[in-house]
């Protein structure tokens, strides 16, 4: 898988500040800005896979992620989101996280996620 290309020039997909790596909000949207998937599980998987490609391109892994912010269009989707999300942290300590019910997300997507990582730390604390 290649790194997702950012179709919009007004922000960066990832940006470093010192030892930290910040990923912008990712959602289930392809390079042509089409929504991918129609369930919370499918949209979460697409989003997490896109984030993983960017993390890897920056020399980071899920072990380096220390903070995630999750925006759900419908808080009723939290259980389905959590089942898919936790698959990415199986056998790992998950990062700190905030889940926010968002009344309006780009193109009606069900989930958007951003994160902060500390590459190379393999954070376990």
C-alpha atoms as a PDB file:
ATOM      1  CA  UNK A   1       0.000   0.000   0.000  1.00  0.00           C
ATOM      2  CA  UNK A   2       1.255   3.446  -0.835  1.00  0.00           C
ATOM      3  CA  UNK A   3       0.884   6.517   1.330  1.00  0.00           C
ATOM      4  CA  UNK A   4      -2.403   8.329   0.787  1.00  0.00           C
ATOM      5  CA  UNK A   5      -2.077  11.455  -1.295  1.00  0.00           C
ATOM      6  CA  UNK A   6      -3.587  14.606   0.120  1.00  0.00           C
ATOM      7  CA  UNK A   7      -5.971  16.014  -2.490  1.00  0.00           C
ATOM      8  CA  UNK A   8      -6.304  19.281  -0.598  1.00  0.00           C
ATOM      9  CA  UNK A   9      -3.323  21.674  -0.451  1.00  0.00           C
ATOM     10  CA  UNK A  10      -4.384  23.657   2.621  1.00  0.00           C
ATOM     11  CA  UNK A  11      -3.106  21.187   5.230  1.00  0.00           C
ATOM     12  CA  UNK A  12      -0.500  18.448   5.698  1.00  0.00           C
ATOM     13  CA  UNK A  13      -1.373  14.805   6.351  1.00  0.00           C
ATOM     14  CA  UNK A  14       1.474  14.622   8.877  1.00  0.00           C
ATOM     15  CA  UNK A  15       3.756  17.150  10.496  1.00  0.00           C
ATOM     16  CA  UNK A  16       6.623  16.811  12.955  1.00  0.00           C
ATOM     17  CA  UNK A  17       7.284  19.099  15.895  1.00  0.00           C
ATOM     18  CA  UNK A  18      10.374  18.065  17.785  1.00  0.00           C
ATOM     19  CA  UNK A  19      10.022  14.405  18.733  1.00  0.00           C
ATOM     20  CA  UNK A  20       6.296  14.352  18.057  1.00  0.00           C
ATOM     21  CA  UNK A  21       4.410  13.456  14.895  1.00  0.00           C
ATOM     22  CA  UNK A  22       0.925  14.890  14.370  1.00  0.00           C
ATOM     23  CA  UNK A  23      -1.499  13.318  11.895  1.00  0.00           C
ATOM     24  CA  UNK A  24      -4.367  15.400  10.556  1.00  0.00           C
ATOM     25  CA  UNK A  25      -7.930  14.186  10.700  1.00  0.00           C
ATOM     26  CA  UNK A  26      -8.339  11.061   8.567  1.00  0.00           C
ATOM     27  CA  UNK A  27     -11.648   9.719   7.374  1.00  0.00           C
ATOM     28  CA  UNK A  28     -12.984   7.122   4.962  1.00  0.00           C
ATOM     29  CA  UNK A  29     -12.404   9.257   1.875  1.00  0.00           C
ATOM     30  CA  UNK A  30     -10.330   8.209  -1.145  1.00  0.00           C
ATOM     31  CA  UNK A  31      -8.024  10.423  -3.240  1.00  0.00           C
ATOM     32  CA  UNK A  32     -10.984  11.508  -5.395  1.00  0.00           C
ATOM     33  CA  UNK A  33     -12.836  12.574  -2.205  1.00  0.00           C
ATOM     34  CA  UNK A  34     -15.350   9.729  -2.489  1.00  0.00           C
ATOM     35  CA  UNK A  35     -16.671   8.214   0.742  1.00  0.00           C
ATOM     36  CA  UNK A  36     -15.531   4.600   1.163  1.00  0.00           C
ATOM     37  CA  UNK A  37     -17.707   2.122   3.077  1.00  0.00           C
ATOM     38  CA  UNK A  38     -21.206   2.448   4.435  1.00  0.00           C
ATOM     39  CA  UNK A  39     -20.823   0.950   7.915  1.00  0.00           C
ATOM     40  CA  UNK A  40     -18.866   2.197  10.903  1.00  0.00           C
ATOM     41  CA  UNK A  41     -16.702  -0.941  10.741  1.00  0.00           C
ATOM     42  CA  UNK A  42     -15.789  -0.491   7.057  1.00  0.00           C
ATOM     43  CA  UNK A  43     -15.165   3.228   7.466  1.00  0.00           C
ATOM     44  CA  UNK A  44     -13.049   2.708  10.580  1.00  0.00           C
ATOM     45  CA  UNK A  45     -10.937   0.058   8.849  1.00  0.00           C
ATOM     46  CA  UNK A  46     -10.328   2.276   5.808  1.00  0.00           C
ATOM     47  CA  UNK A  47      -9.414   5.220   8.038  1.00  0.00           C
ATOM     48  CA  UNK A  48      -7.072   3.237  10.304  1.00  0.00           C
ATOM     49  CA  UNK A  49      -5.325   1.651   7.299  1.00  0.00           C
ATOM     50  CA  UNK A  50      -4.755   5.096   5.752  1.00  0.00           C
ATOM     51  CA  UNK A  51      -3.352   6.377   9.044  1.00  0.00           C
ATOM     52  CA  UNK A  52      -1.111   3.324   9.354  1.00  0.00           C
ATOM     53  CA  UNK A  53       0.403   3.984   5.917  1.00  0.00           C
ATOM     54  CA  UNK A  54       1.232   7.565   6.887  1.00  0.00           C
ATOM     55  CA  UNK A  55       2.634   6.498  10.272  1.00  0.00           C
ATOM     56  CA  UNK A  56       4.876   3.929   8.561  1.00  0.00           C
ATOM     57  CA  UNK A  57       6.021   6.464   5.956  1.00  0.00           C
ATOM     58  CA  UNK A  58       7.147   8.643   8.866  1.00  0.00           C
ATOM     59  CA  UNK A  59       8.959   5.813  10.657  1.00  0.00           C
ATOM     60  CA  UNK A  60       6.254   5.224  13.260  1.00  0.00           C
ATOM     61  CA  UNK A  61       3.948   2.373  14.237  1.00  0.00           C
ATOM     62  CA  UNK A  62       0.796   2.039  16.319  1.00  0.00           C
ATOM     63  CA  UNK A  63       3.106   1.407  19.299  1.00  0.00           C
ATOM     64  CA  UNK A  64       4.327   5.004  18.964  1.00  0.00           C
ATOM     65  CA  UNK A  65       0.852   6.570  19.011  1.00  0.00           C
ATOM     66  CA  UNK A  66       0.221   8.241  22.353  1.00  0.00           C
ATOM     67  CA  UNK A  67      -3.018  10.142  21.735  1.00  0.00           C
ATOM     68  CA  UNK A  68      -6.033   9.721  19.438  1.00  0.00           C
ATOM     69  CA  UNK A  69      -9.058  11.926  18.953  1.00  0.00           C
ATOM     70  CA  UNK A  70     -12.075  10.204  17.436  1.00  0.00           C
ATOM     71  CA  UNK A  71     -15.087  11.997  16.031  1.00  0.00           C
ATOM     72  CA  UNK A  72     -18.214   9.907  15.468  1.00  0.00           C
ATOM     73  CA  UNK A  73     -21.202  11.169  13.535  1.00  0.00           C
ATOM     74  CA  UNK A  74     -23.414   8.938  15.696  1.00  0.00           C
ATOM     75  CA  UNK A  75     -22.388   7.985  19.239  1.00  0.00           C
ATOM     76  CA  UNK A  76     -24.535   4.852  18.765  1.00  0.00           C
ATOM     77  CA  UNK A  77     -21.704   3.628  16.487  1.00  0.00           C
ATOM     78  CA  UNK A  78     -19.224   3.546  19.386  1.00  0.00           C
ATOM     79  CA  UNK A  79     -19.393  -0.245  19.924  1.00  0.00           C
ATOM     80  CA  UNK A  80     -18.859  -1.034  16.234  1.00  0.00           C
ATOM     81  CA  UNK A  81     -16.040   1.506  16.111  1.00  0.00           C
ATOM     82  CA  UNK A  82     -14.371   0.039  19.218  1.00  0.00           C
ATOM     83  CA  UNK A  83     -14.468  -3.540  17.867  1.00  0.00           C
ATOM     84  CA  UNK A  84     -12.655  -2.506  14.687  1.00  0.00           C
ATOM     85  CA  UNK A  85     -10.330   0.000  16.384  1.00  0.00           C
ATOM     86  CA  UNK A  86      -9.130  -2.462  19.024  1.00  0.00           C
ATOM     87  CA  UNK A  87      -8.038  -4.886  16.305  1.00  0.00           C
ATOM     88  CA  UNK A  88      -5.195  -2.449  15.563  1.00  0.00           C
ATOM     89  CA  UNK A  89      -4.005  -2.558  19.165  1.00  0.00           C
ATOM     90  CA  UNK A  90      -4.335  -6.284  19.846  1.00  0.00           C
ATOM     91  CA  UNK A  91      -1.536  -7.281  22.215  1.00  0.00           C
ATOM     92  CA  UNK A  92      -0.567  -3.625  22.669  1.00  0.00           C
ATOM     93  CA  UNK A  93      -1.464  -0.988  25.174  1.00  0.00           C
ATOM     94  CA  UNK A  94      -3.778   1.413  23.317  1.00  0.00           C
ATOM     95  CA  UNK A  95      -3.081   5.149  23.297  1.00  0.00           C
ATOM     96  CA  UNK A  96      -5.003   7.680  25.315  1.00  0.00           C
ATOM     97  CA  UNK A  97      -8.169   8.591  23.472  1.00  0.00           C
ATOM     98  CA  UNK A  98     -11.077  10.980  23.317  1.00  0.00           C
ATOM     99  CA  UNK A  99     -14.336  10.104  21.538  1.00  0.00           C
ATOM    100  CA  UNK A 100     -16.534  13.013  20.560  1.00  0.00           C
ATOM    101  CA  UNK A 101     -19.991  12.954  19.040  1.00  0.00           C
ATOM    102  CA  UNK A 102     -19.784  15.215  16.001  1.00  0.00           C
ATOM    103  CA  UNK A 103     -23.004  16.533  14.559  1.00  0.00           C
ATOM    104  CA  UNK A 104     -21.577  17.086  11.089  1.00  0.00           C
ATOM    105  CA  UNK A 105     -18.585  15.481   9.401  1.00  0.00           C
ATOM    106  CA  UNK A 106     -17.239  15.936   5.862  1.00  0.00           C
ATOM    107  CA  UNK A 107     -19.621  14.392   3.303  1.00  0.00           C
ATOM    108  CA  UNK A 108     -21.556  12.652   6.089  1.00  0.00           C
ATOM    109  CA  UNK A 109     -18.728  10.237   6.950  1.00  0.00           C
ATOM    110  CA  UNK A 110     -19.300   8.251  10.118  1.00  0.00           C
ATOM    111  CA  UNK A 111     -15.811   8.644  11.626  1.00  0.00           C
ATOM    112  CA  UNK A 112     -12.791  10.938  11.575  1.00  0.00           C
ATOM    113  CA  UNK A 113      -9.599  10.321  13.555  1.00  0.00           C
ATOM    114  CA  UNK A 114      -6.433  12.288  14.271  1.00  0.00           C
ATOM    115  CA  UNK A 115      -3.465  11.306  16.395  1.00  0.00           C
ATOM    116  CA  UNK A 116      -0.158  12.251  17.981  1.00  0.00           C
ATOM    117  CA  UNK A 117       2.787   9.865  17.921  1.00  0.00           C
ATOM    118  CA  UNK A 118       6.280   9.864  19.405  1.00  0.00           C
ATOM    119  CA  UNK A 119       8.177   7.880  16.717  1.00  0.00           C
ATOM    120  CA  UNK A 120      10.826   5.497  17.912  1.00  0.00           C
ATOM    121  CA  UNK A 121       9.621   5.421  21.486  1.00  0.00           C
ATOM    122  CA  UNK A 122       7.450   2.316  21.227  1.00  0.00           C
ATOM    123  CA  UNK A 123       5.455   3.957  23.999  1.00  0.00           C
ATOM    124  CA  UNK A 124       4.504   1.538  26.738  1.00  0.00           C
ATOM    125  CA  UNK A 125       4.109   3.943  29.626  1.00  0.00           C
END
